[in-house]
C-alpha atoms as a PDB file:
ATOM      1  CA  MET A   1      61.176   5.530 115.673  1.00  0.00           C
ATOM      2  CA  LYS A   2      60.054   2.796 113.664  1.00  0.00           C
ATOM      3  CA  THR A   3      58.604  -0.282 114.787  1.00  0.00           C
ATOM      4  CA  LYS A   4      58.683  -3.654 112.536  1.00  0.00           C
ATOM      5  CA  SER A   5      54.895  -3.546 112.103  1.00  0.00           C
ATOM      6  CA  TYR A   6      54.981   0.061 110.616  1.00  0.00           C
ATOM      7  CA  GLU A   7      58.183  -0.984 108.413  1.00  0.00           C
ATOM      8  CA  PHE A   8      55.646  -3.954 106.995  1.00  0.00           C
ATOM      9  CA  TYR A   9      53.002  -1.634 107.107  1.00  0.00           C
ATOM     10  CA  GLU A  10      55.289   0.914 104.723  1.00  0.00           C
ATOM     11  CA  LYS A  11      56.488  -2.231 102.529  1.00  0.00           C
ATOM     12  CA  PHE A  12      52.887  -3.693 101.974  1.00  0.00           C
ATOM     13  CA  PHE A  13      51.585   0.091 100.653  1.00  0.00           C
ATOM     14  CA  LYS A  14      54.650   0.788  98.802  1.00  0.00           C
ATOM     15  CA  ILE A  15      54.603  -2.538  97.021  1.00  0.00           C
ATOM     16  CA  ILE A  16      50.399  -2.096  95.809  1.00  0.00           C
ATOM     17  CA  CYS A  17      50.465   1.788  95.517  1.00  0.00           C
ATOM     18  CA  ASN A  18      53.066   1.126  92.380  1.00  0.00           C
ATOM     19  CA  LYS A  19      50.855   1.743  89.548  1.00  0.00           C
ATOM     20  CA  THR A  20      52.281  -1.033  86.934  1.00  0.00           C
ATOM     21  CA  ARG A  21      51.897  -3.551  89.974  1.00  0.00           C
ATOM     22  CA  PHE A  22      48.262  -2.279  90.853  1.00  0.00           C
ATOM     23  CA  GLU A  23      47.427  -2.334  87.203  1.00  0.00           C
ATOM     24  CA  ILE A  24      48.479  -5.910  87.197  1.00  0.00           C
ATOM     25  CA  ILE A  25      46.582  -7.017  90.675  1.00  0.00           C
ATOM     26  CA  MET A  26      43.638  -5.227  88.667  1.00  0.00           C
ATOM     27  CA  LEU A  27      43.978  -7.679  86.091  1.00  0.00           C
ATOM     28  CA  LEU A  28      44.973 -10.930  88.701  1.00  0.00           C
ATOM     29  CA  ARG A  29      41.468  -9.936  90.159  1.00  0.00           C
ATOM     30  CA  ILE A  30      39.678 -10.588  86.830  1.00  0.00           C
ATOM     31  CA  LYS A  31      41.489 -14.097  85.868  1.00  0.00           C
ATOM     32  CA  HIS A  32      44.943 -15.830  86.457  1.00  0.00           C
ATOM     33  CA  ARG A  33      47.457 -14.903  83.862  1.00  0.00           C
ATOM     34  CA  SER A  34      50.551 -15.011  82.026  1.00  0.00           C
ATOM     35  CA  VAL A  35      53.258 -12.618  81.914  1.00  0.00           C
ATOM     36  CA  ASN A  36      52.952 -13.019  78.480  1.00  0.00           C
ATOM     37  CA  GLU A  37      49.374 -12.054  78.969  1.00  0.00           C
ATOM     38  CA  ILE A  38      49.443  -9.512  81.202  1.00  0.00           C
ATOM     39  CA  SER A  39      52.363  -7.891  79.049  1.00  0.00           C
ATOM     40  CA  ARG A  40      50.500  -7.380  76.499  1.00  0.00           C
ATOM     41  CA  MET A  41      47.090  -6.444  77.708  1.00  0.00           C
ATOM     42  CA  LEU A  42      48.961  -3.814  79.387  1.00  0.00           C
ATOM     43  CA  ASN A  43      50.901  -2.613  76.840  1.00  0.00           C
ATOM     44  CA  PHE A  44      54.047  -3.343  78.733  1.00  0.00           C
ATOM     45  CA  GLU A  45      57.858  -4.551  77.736  1.00  0.00           C
ATOM     46  CA  GLN A  46      57.506  -8.611  79.620  1.00  0.00           C
ATOM     47  CA  SER A  47      60.836  -7.681  81.730  1.00  0.00           C
ATOM     48  CA  ARG A  48      58.587  -4.743  83.265  1.00  0.00           C
ATOM     49  CA  VAL A  49      55.992  -7.640  84.344  1.00  0.00           C
ATOM     50  CA  SER A  50      58.448 -10.297  85.415  1.00  0.00           C
ATOM     51  CA  HIS A  51      59.898  -7.818  87.222  1.00  0.00           C
ATOM     52  CA  ASN A  52      56.539  -6.327  89.232  1.00  0.00           C
ATOM     53  CA  LEU A  53      55.416  -9.948  89.826  1.00  0.00           C
ATOM     54  CA  LYS A  54      58.660 -10.695  91.812  1.00  0.00           C
ATOM     55  CA  LYS A  55      57.633  -7.991  94.138  1.00  0.00           C
ATOM     56  CA  LEU A  56      54.016  -9.135  94.633  1.00  0.00           C
ATOM     57  CA  GLU A  57      55.077 -12.671  95.058  1.00  0.00           C
ATOM     58  CA  GLU A  58      58.108 -11.973  97.165  1.00  0.00           C
ATOM     59  CA  TYR A  59      55.338 -10.488  99.842  1.00  0.00           C
ATOM     60  CA  GLY A  60      52.897 -13.278  98.928  1.00  0.00           C
ATOM     61  CA  LEU A  61      50.267 -11.077  97.205  1.00  0.00           C
ATOM     62  CA  VAL A  62      50.890 -13.263  94.326  1.00  0.00           C
ATOM     63  CA  LYS A  63      51.243 -17.437  93.951  1.00  0.00           C
ATOM     64  CA  CYS A  64      52.771 -18.794  90.460  1.00  0.00           C
ATOM     65  CA  ASP A  65      51.894 -22.323  89.420  1.00  0.00           C
ATOM     66  CA  CYS A  66      53.819 -23.798  86.141  1.00  0.00           C
ATOM     67  CA  ASP A  67      51.980 -24.900  82.971  1.00  0.00           C
ATOM     68  CA  GLY A  68      54.646 -26.844  80.820  1.00  0.00           C
ATOM     69  CA  LYS A  69      56.949 -23.604  80.352  1.00  0.00           C
ATOM     70  CA  ARG A  70      54.063 -20.787  81.252  1.00  0.00           C
ATOM     71  CA  ARG A  71      53.742 -19.280  84.212  1.00  0.00           C
ATOM     72  CA  ILE A  72      50.549 -19.131  85.565  1.00  0.00           C
ATOM     73  CA  TYR A  73      50.419 -15.950  88.405  1.00  0.00           C
ATOM     74  CA  CYS A  74      46.983 -15.507  90.050  1.00  0.00           C
ATOM     75  CA  LEU A  75      46.552 -13.333  93.546  1.00  0.00           C
ATOM     76  CA  ASN A  76      46.920 -14.971  96.453  1.00  0.00           C
ATOM     77  CA  PRO A  77      43.586 -16.126  97.596  1.00  0.00           C
ATOM     78  CA  ASP A  78      44.268 -16.990 101.263  1.00  0.00           C
ATOM     79  CA  TYR A  79      45.642 -13.657 101.891  1.00  0.00           C
ATOM     80  CA  PHE A  80      45.624 -11.399  99.478  1.00  0.00           C
ATOM     81  CA  ILE A  81      41.703 -11.388  98.041  1.00  0.00           C
ATOM     82  CA  PRO A  82      40.288 -10.676 101.321  1.00  0.00           C
ATOM     83  CA  ILE A  83      42.678  -7.880 101.816  1.00  0.00           C
ATOM     84  CA  LEU A  84      41.503  -6.439  98.694  1.00  0.00           C
ATOM     85  CA  ASN A  85      37.933  -6.711  99.015  1.00  0.00           C
ATOM     86  CA  LYS A  86      37.888  -5.203 102.539  1.00  0.00           C
ATOM     87  CA  ILE A  87      39.694  -2.240 100.759  1.00  0.00           C
ATOM     88  CA  GLU A  88      36.982  -1.692  98.581  1.00  0.00           C
ATOM     89  CA  LYS A  89      34.492  -2.297 100.556  1.00  0.00           C
ATOM     90  CA  TYR A  90      36.514   0.455 102.642  1.00  0.00           C
ATOM     91  CA  ILE A  91      36.343   2.950  99.550  1.00  0.00           C
ATOM     92  CA  LYS A  92      32.910   2.190  98.486  1.00  0.00           C
ATOM     93  CA  HIS A  93      31.779   3.091 101.987  1.00  0.00           C
ATOM     94  CA  MET A  94      34.121   6.464 101.955  1.00  0.00           C
ATOM     95  CA  ASP A  95      32.546   7.250  98.310  1.00  0.00           C
ATOM     96  CA  LYS A  96      29.042   7.020  99.767  1.00  0.00           C
ATOM     97  CA  LEU A  97      29.795   9.268 103.284  1.00  0.00           C
ATOM     98  CA  LYS A  98      31.918  12.008 100.498  1.00  0.00           C
ATOM     99  CA  SER A  99      28.593  11.737  98.137  1.00  0.00           C
ATOM    100  CA  LEU A 100      26.658  13.086 101.156  1.00  0.00           C
ATOM    101  CA  ASN A 101      28.296  15.727 101.979  1.00  0.00           C
END
C-alpha cells in the first residue's frame, strides 16, 4: 500500500532523475538562465527545455522571474539548493567509503 509520503518521494525522485531535468538542474546550479540559454547550452529544443522547466517549477524546485519578455530560471534557494547540497555531501561520503574498500 502506497502512502502519501511514499508517493511524494516517488514523484520527487522521478523528477530529478530524468536526464534532461538533471542537466537543467546542474546548469541552474551554476547560474540563473533563460530558456534560450539552457536550450543553446544543452543543445535541446526550446520546447523540451520549457516542458521540463515547467515540471521542475510545479514541484517547487525551480523559480522563475520575468525580465521583460524573458523568463529567468533559478533553483529554489529556500528548499531545493539545501537538498542538493545534502545529496552531494552524501555522494562524496559514499564515494570515500567505496574507495576505502
